[in-house]
PDB file of N, CA and C in Angstrom:
ATOM      1  N   MET A   1      40.113-156.873  48.574  1.00  0.00           N
ATOM      2  CA  MET A   1      38.485-156.759  48.432  1.00  0.00           C
ATOM      3  C   MET A   1      37.507-156.444  47.778  1.00  0.00           C
ATOM      4  N   ASN A   2      37.843-156.775  46.359  1.00  0.00           N
ATOM      5  CA  ASN A   2      36.796-156.522  45.553  1.00  0.00           C
ATOM      6  C   ASN A   2      36.353-155.059  45.277  1.00  0.00           C
ATOM      7  N   GLY A   3      36.628-153.983  45.838  1.00  0.00           N
ATOM      8  CA  GLY A   3      35.897-152.639  45.810  1.00  0.00           C
ATOM      9  C   GLY A   3      35.050-153.003  47.148  1.00  0.00           C
ATOM     10  N   LEU A   4      34.709-153.724  47.858  1.00  0.00           N
ATOM     11  CA  LEU A   4      33.821-154.121  49.102  1.00  0.00           C
ATOM     12  C   LEU A   4      34.727-153.425  50.320  1.00  0.00           C
ATOM     13  N   THR A   5      34.568-152.447  51.159  1.00  0.00           N
ATOM     14  CA  THR A   5      35.010-152.248  52.175  1.00  0.00           C
ATOM     15  C   THR A   5      34.550-153.485  53.301  1.00  0.00           C
ATOM     16  N   ARG A   6      35.377-153.945  54.457  1.00  0.00           N
ATOM     17  CA  ARG A   6      35.094-154.745  55.751  1.00  0.00           C
ATOM     18  C   ARG A   6      34.040-154.513  55.683  1.00  0.00           C
ATOM     19  N   ARG A   7      33.296-153.464  56.367  1.00  0.00           N
ATOM     20  CA  ARG A   7      31.860-152.635  56.768  1.00  0.00           C
ATOM     21  C   ARG A   7      30.734-153.346  55.530  1.00  0.00           C
ATOM     22  N   ASN A   8      31.009-153.029  54.089  1.00  0.00           N
ATOM     23  CA  ASN A   8      30.129-153.324  53.376  1.00  0.00           C
ATOM     24  C   ASN A   8      29.780-154.844  53.013  1.00  0.00           C
ATOM     25  N   LYS A   9      30.729-156.080  53.178  1.00  0.00           N
ATOM     26  CA  LYS A   9      30.627-156.544  52.869  1.00  0.00           C
ATOM     27  C   LYS A   9      29.610-158.256  53.243  1.00  0.00           C
ATOM     28  N   ILE A  10      29.035-158.074  52.346  1.00  0.00           N
ATOM     29  CA  ILE A  10      27.648-159.181  52.733  1.00  0.00           C
ATOM     30  C   ILE A  10      28.255-160.767  52.811  1.00  0.00           C
ATOM     31  N   LYS A  11      27.457-161.354  54.077  1.00  0.00           N
ATOM     32  CA  LYS A  11      27.841-162.361  54.942  1.00  0.00           C
ATOM     33  C   LYS A  11      26.369-163.471  54.527  1.00  0.00           C
ATOM     34  N   LYS A  12      26.930-164.256  54.269  1.00  0.00           N
ATOM     35  CA  LYS A  12      25.758-165.461  53.705  1.00  0.00           C
ATOM     36  C   LYS A  12      25.031-166.133  55.050  1.00  0.00           C
ATOM     37  N   SER A  13      23.807-166.166  54.704  1.00  0.00           N
ATOM     38  CA  SER A  13      22.865-167.363  55.356  1.00  0.00           C
ATOM     39  C   SER A  13      23.114-168.669  55.085  1.00  0.00           C
ATOM     40  N   ILE A  14      23.144-169.671  55.387  1.00  0.00           N
ATOM     41  CA  ILE A  14      23.444-170.874  55.350  1.00  0.00           C
ATOM     42  C   ILE A  14      22.464-171.983  55.530  1.00  0.00           C
ATOM     43  N   PRO A  15      21.866-172.613  54.850  1.00  0.00           N
ATOM     44  CA  PRO A  15      21.031-173.267  55.136  1.00  0.00           C
ATOM     45  C   PRO A  15      21.091-174.526  56.310  1.00  0.00           C
ATOM     46  N   ASN A  16      20.131-174.902  57.381  1.00  0.00           N
ATOM     47  CA  ASN A  16      20.608-175.850  58.077  1.00  0.00           C
ATOM     48  C   ASN A  16      20.733-177.015  57.645  1.00  0.00           C
ATOM     49  N   ASP A  17      19.445-177.494  56.754  1.00  0.00           N
ATOM     50  CA  ASP A  17      18.782-178.937  56.062  1.00  0.00           C
ATOM     51  C   ASP A  17      19.359-178.597  54.551  1.00  0.00           C
ATOM     52  N   PRO A  18      20.506-178.950  54.234  1.00  0.00           N
ATOM     53  CA  PRO A  18      20.545-178.906  52.523  1.00  0.00           C
ATOM     54  C   PRO A  18      19.824-179.421  51.738  1.00  0.00           C
ATOM     55  N   SER A  19      19.601-180.932  52.330  1.00  0.00           N
ATOM     56  CA  SER A  19      18.462-181.493  51.508  1.00  0.00           C
ATOM     57  C   SER A  19      17.249-180.847  51.238  1.00  0.00           C
ATOM     58  N   LYS A  20      16.825-180.134  52.324  1.00  0.00           N
ATOM     59  CA  LYS A  20      15.777-179.300  52.257  1.00  0.00           C
ATOM     60  C   LYS A  20      15.803-178.266  51.229  1.00  0.00           C
ATOM     61  N   TRP A  21      16.930-177.568  51.389  1.00  0.00           N
ATOM     62  CA  TRP A  21      17.220-176.215  50.440  1.00  0.00           C
ATOM     63  C   TRP A  21      17.337-176.774  49.090  1.00  0.00           C
ATOM     64  N   SER A  22      17.947-177.913  48.880  1.00  0.00           N
ATOM     65  CA  SER A  22      18.098-178.546  47.579  1.00  0.00           C
ATOM     66  C   SER A  22      16.835-179.110  46.802  1.00  0.00           C
ATOM     67  N   ASN A  23      16.214-179.940  47.726  1.00  0.00           N
ATOM     68  CA  ASN A  23      14.850-179.988  47.152  1.00  0.00           C
ATOM     69  C   ASN A  23      14.019-178.486  46.781  1.00  0.00           C
ATOM     70  N   ALA A  24      13.989-177.630  47.745  1.00  0.00           N
ATOM     71  CA  ALA A  24      13.336-176.147  47.294  1.00  0.00           C
ATOM     72  C   ALA A  24      13.937-175.322  46.008  1.00  0.00           C
ATOM     73  N   LYS A  25      14.535-175.613  46.304  1.00  0.00           N
ATOM     74  CA  LYS A  25      15.717-174.931  44.492  1.00  0.00           C
ATOM     75  C   LYS A  25      15.227-175.793  43.558  1.00  0.00           C
ATOM     76  N   SER A  26      15.353-177.245  43.389  1.00  0.00           N
ATOM     77  CA  SER A  26      14.655-177.880  42.330  1.00  0.00           C
ATOM     78  C   SER A  26      13.351-177.762  42.004  1.00  0.00           C
ATOM     79  N   LYS A  27      12.626-177.347  43.440  1.00  0.00           N
ATOM     80  CA  LYS A  27      11.104-177.097  43.124  1.00  0.00           C
ATOM     81  C   LYS A  27      11.212-175.659  41.876  1.00  0.00           C
ATOM     82  N   ALA A  28      11.727-174.597  42.391  1.00  0.00           N
ATOM     83  CA  ALA A  28      11.843-173.237  41.814  1.00  0.00           C
ATOM     84  C   ALA A  28      12.183-173.479  40.565  1.00  0.00           C
ATOM     85  N   LYS A  29      13.330-174.392  40.294  1.00  0.00           N
ATOM     86  CA  LYS A  29      13.712-174.126  38.798  1.00  0.00           C
ATOM     87  C   LYS A  29      12.595-174.837  37.745  1.00  0.00           C
ATOM     88  N   LYS A  30      11.904-175.762  38.340  1.00  0.00           N
ATOM     89  CA  LYS A  30      10.549-176.698  37.567  1.00  0.00           C
ATOM     90  C   LYS A  30       9.652-175.312  37.773  1.00  0.00           C
ATOM     91  N   LYS A  31       9.137-174.853  38.477  1.00  0.00           N
ATOM     92  CA  LYS A  31       8.008-173.524  38.527  1.00  0.00           C
ATOM     93  C   LYS A  31       8.494-172.457  37.429  1.00  0.00           C
ATOM     94  N   PHE A  32       9.627-171.694  37.688  1.00  0.00           N
ATOM     95  CA  PHE A  32      10.318-170.714  36.802  1.00  0.00           C
ATOM     96  C   PHE A  32      10.989-170.613  35.964  1.00  0.00           C
ATOM     97  N   LYS A  33      10.686-170.068  35.042  1.00  0.00           N
ATOM     98  CA  LYS A  33      11.520-170.072  33.069  1.00  0.00           C
ATOM     99  C   LYS A  33      12.803-169.948  33.701  1.00  0.00           C
ATOM    100  N   VAL A  34      13.285-168.614  34.874  1.00  0.00           N
ATOM    101  CA  VAL A  34      14.658-168.149  34.605  1.00  0.00           C
ATOM    102  C   VAL A  34      15.041-168.720  36.319  1.00  0.00           C
ATOM    103  N   TYR A  35      15.633-169.457  36.476  1.00  0.00           N
ATOM    104  CA  TYR A  35      16.593-169.571  37.726  1.00  0.00           C
ATOM    105  C   TYR A  35      18.015-169.551  37.233  1.00  0.00           C
ATOM    106  N   PRO A  36      18.658-168.607  38.280  1.00  0.00           N
ATOM    107  CA  PRO A  36      18.270-168.066  39.491  1.00  0.00           C
ATOM    108  C   PRO A  36      18.015-166.627  38.877  1.00  0.00           C
ATOM    109  N   SER A  37      16.719-166.521  39.702  1.00  0.00           N
ATOM    110  CA  SER A  37      16.485-164.723  39.267  1.00  0.00           C
ATOM    111  C   SER A  37      16.007-164.737  40.970  1.00  0.00           C
ATOM    112  N   ALA A  38      15.436-162.928  41.200  1.00  0.00           N
ATOM    113  CA  ALA A  38      15.170-162.676  42.501  1.00  0.00           C
ATOM    114  C   ALA A  38      13.765-163.174  43.086  1.00  0.00           C
ATOM    115  N   TYR A  39      13.040-163.696  42.133  1.00  0.00           N
ATOM    116  CA  TYR A  39      11.649-163.997  42.320  1.00  0.00           C
ATOM    117  C   TYR A  39      11.839-165.642  42.325  1.00  0.00           C
ATOM    118  N   ALA A  40      12.776-166.702  41.767  1.00  0.00           N
ATOM    119  CA  ALA A  40      12.474-167.481  42.454  1.00  0.00           C
ATOM    120  C   ALA A  40      13.448-167.984  43.133  1.00  0.00           C
ATOM    121  N   ASN A  41      14.504-167.311  43.827  1.00  0.00           N
ATOM    122  CA  ASN A  41      15.281-167.119  44.978  1.00  0.00           C
ATOM    123  C   ASN A  41      14.204-167.060  46.153  1.00  0.00           C
ATOM    124  N   ALA A  42      13.820-166.202  45.962  1.00  0.00           N
ATOM    125  CA  ALA A  42      12.687-165.624  47.196  1.00  0.00           C
ATOM    126  C   ALA A  42      11.428-166.732  47.503  1.00  0.00           C
ATOM    127  N   TRP A  43      11.134-167.151  46.313  1.00  0.00           N
ATOM    128  CA  TRP A  43       9.807-168.377  46.478  1.00  0.00           C
ATOM    129  C   TRP A  43      10.212-169.490  46.945  1.00  0.00           C
ATOM    130  N   ALA A  44      12.234-170.063  46.543  1.00  0.00           N
ATOM    131  CA  ALA A  44      12.666-171.127  47.018  1.00  0.00           C
ATOM    132  C   ALA A  44      12.809-170.906  48.834  1.00  0.00           C
ATOM    133  N   ALA A  45      13.301-169.733  48.982  1.00  0.00           N
ATOM    134  CA  ALA A  45      13.047-169.481  50.245  1.00  0.00           C
ATOM    135  C   ALA A  45      12.482-169.886  51.117  1.00  0.00           C
ATOM    136  N   LYS A  46      11.067-169.114  50.483  1.00  0.00           N
ATOM    137  CA  LYS A  46       9.854-169.299  51.448  1.00  0.00           C
ATOM    138  C   LYS A  46       9.416-171.045  51.518  1.00  0.00           C
ATOM    139  N   GLU A  47       9.495-171.434  50.694  1.00  0.00           N
ATOM    140  CA  GLU A  47       9.229-173.004  49.959  1.00  0.00           C
ATOM    141  C   GLU A  47       9.933-173.929  51.178  1.00  0.00           C
ATOM    142  N   TYR A  48      11.164-173.499  51.456  1.00  0.00           N
ATOM    143  CA  TYR A  48      12.075-173.866  52.283  1.00  0.00           C
ATOM    144  C   TYR A  48      11.890-173.550  53.892  1.00  0.00           C
ATOM    145  N   LYS A  49      11.512-172.644  54.290  1.00  0.00           N
ATOM    146  CA  LYS A  49      10.938-172.384  55.601  1.00  0.00           C
ATOM    147  C   LYS A  49       9.491-173.076  55.595  1.00  0.00           C
ATOM    148  N   ARG A  50       8.550-173.366  54.255  1.00  0.00           N
ATOM    149  CA  ARG A  50       7.005-173.896  54.618  1.00  0.00           C
ATOM    150  C   ARG A  50       7.691-175.659  54.844  1.00  0.00           C
ATOM    151  N   MET A  51       8.821-175.837  54.637  1.00  0.00           N
ATOM    152  CA  MET A  51       9.281-177.302  54.818  1.00  0.00           C
ATOM    153  C   MET A  51      10.087-177.385  56.098  1.00  0.00           C
ATOM    154  N   GLY A  52      10.072-176.312  56.888  1.00  0.00           N
ATOM    155  CA  GLY A  52      10.391-176.608  58.019  1.00  0.00           C
ATOM    156  C   GLY A  52      11.784-176.306  58.121  1.00  0.00           C
ATOM    157  N   GLY A  53      12.890-176.011  57.206  1.00  0.00           N
ATOM    158  CA  GLY A  53      13.976-175.644  57.364  1.00  0.00           C
ATOM    159  C   GLY A  53      14.071-174.274  57.904  1.00  0.00           C
ATOM    160  N   THR A  54      15.087-174.202  58.613  1.00  0.00           N
ATOM    161  CA  THR A  54      15.969-172.964  59.117  1.00  0.00           C
ATOM    162  C   THR A  54      17.016-172.445  58.674  1.00  0.00           C
ATOM    163  N   TRP A  55      17.616-171.082  59.067  1.00  0.00           N
ATOM    164  CA  TRP A  55      18.869-170.745  58.530  1.00  0.00           C
ATOM    165  C   TRP A  55      19.933-170.474  59.440  1.00  0.00           C
ATOM    166  N   ARG A  56      21.256-170.546  59.648  1.00  0.00           N
ATOM    167  CA  ARG A  56      22.522-169.900  60.234  1.00  0.00           C
ATOM    168  C   ARG A  56      23.033-168.860  59.414  1.00  0.00           C
ATOM    169  N   GLY A  57      23.855-168.028  60.476  1.00  0.00           N
ATOM    170  CA  GLY A  57      24.732-167.021  59.692  1.00  0.00           C
ATOM    171  C   GLY A  57      24.104-165.799  59.811  1.00  0.00           C
ATOM    172  N   ALA A  58      24.469-164.998  59.250  1.00  0.00           N
ATOM    173  CA  ALA A  58      23.979-163.638  58.634  1.00  0.00           C
ATOM    174  C   ALA A  58      22.414-163.565  58.621  1.00  0.00           C
ATOM    175  N   ASP A  59      22.062-162.189  59.418  1.00  0.00           N
ATOM    176  CA  ASP A  59      20.540-161.794  59.286  1.00  0.00           C
ATOM    177  C   ASP A  59      20.821-160.924  57.754  1.00  0.00           C
ATOM    178  N   ASN A  60      20.090-161.201  56.655  1.00  0.00           N
ATOM    179  CA  ASN A  60      20.210-160.413  55.457  1.00  0.00           C
ATOM    180  C   ASN A  60      18.966-159.799  55.195  1.00  0.00           C
ATOM    181  N   ARG A  61      17.983-159.986  56.257  1.00  0.00           N
ATOM    182  CA  ARG A  61      16.550-159.076  55.624  1.00  0.00           C
ATOM    183  C   ARG A  61      16.522-158.036  55.364  1.00  0.00           C
ATOM    184  N   VAL A  62      15.479-157.849  54.623  1.00  0.00           N
ATOM    185  CA  VAL A  62      15.798-156.212  54.103  1.00  0.00           C
ATOM    186  C   VAL A  62      14.591-155.558  55.244  1.00  0.00           C
ATOM    187  N   THR A  63      15.103-154.179  55.461  1.00  0.00           N
ATOM    188  CA  THR A  63      13.811-153.496  56.167  1.00  0.00           C
ATOM    189  C   THR A  63      13.956-152.114  55.725  1.00  0.00           C
ATOM    190  N   LYS A  64      12.619-151.699  56.162  1.00  0.00           N
ATOM    191  CA  LYS A  64      12.438-150.337  55.745  1.00  0.00           C
ATOM    192  C   LYS A  64      12.841-149.329  56.016  1.00  0.00           C
ATOM    193  N   ARG A  65      13.291-148.424  55.623  1.00  0.00           N
ATOM    194  CA  ARG A  65      13.439-146.822  56.115  1.00  0.00           C
ATOM    195  C   ARG A  65      12.626-146.018  56.054  1.00  0.00           C
ATOM    196  N   GLY A  66      12.591-145.545  57.006  1.00  0.00           N
ATOM    197  CA  GLY A  66      11.118-144.112  57.315  1.00  0.00           C
ATOM    198  C   GLY A  66      12.024-142.708  56.772  1.00  0.00           C
ATOM    199  N   LYS A  67      11.016-141.914  56.528  1.00  0.00           N
ATOM    200  CA  LYS A  67      11.790-140.547  55.894  1.00  0.00           C
ATOM    201  C   LYS A  67      12.666-140.120  56.657  1.00  0.00           C
ATOM    202  N   LYS A  68      13.157-139.544  56.233  1.00  0.00           N
ATOM    203  CA  LYS A  68      14.444-138.233  56.629  1.00  0.00           C
ATOM    204  C   LYS A  68      13.580-136.943  56.836  1.00  0.00           C
TER     205      LYS A  68
END
């Protein structure tokens, strides 16, 4: 599994409307000099959601950790 254990394997979120996702990605490519980048992908995901797009599959949201 290429160094990833079964527990660590990242699952993908898949857009429910591929045409909206493609449109959001093309807007990000025009807006940012470097694509793909974390900023451009985050912006594209926000734009996709703004356009009414939804996701299916894994929930890969980042959560904050408290102090231990």
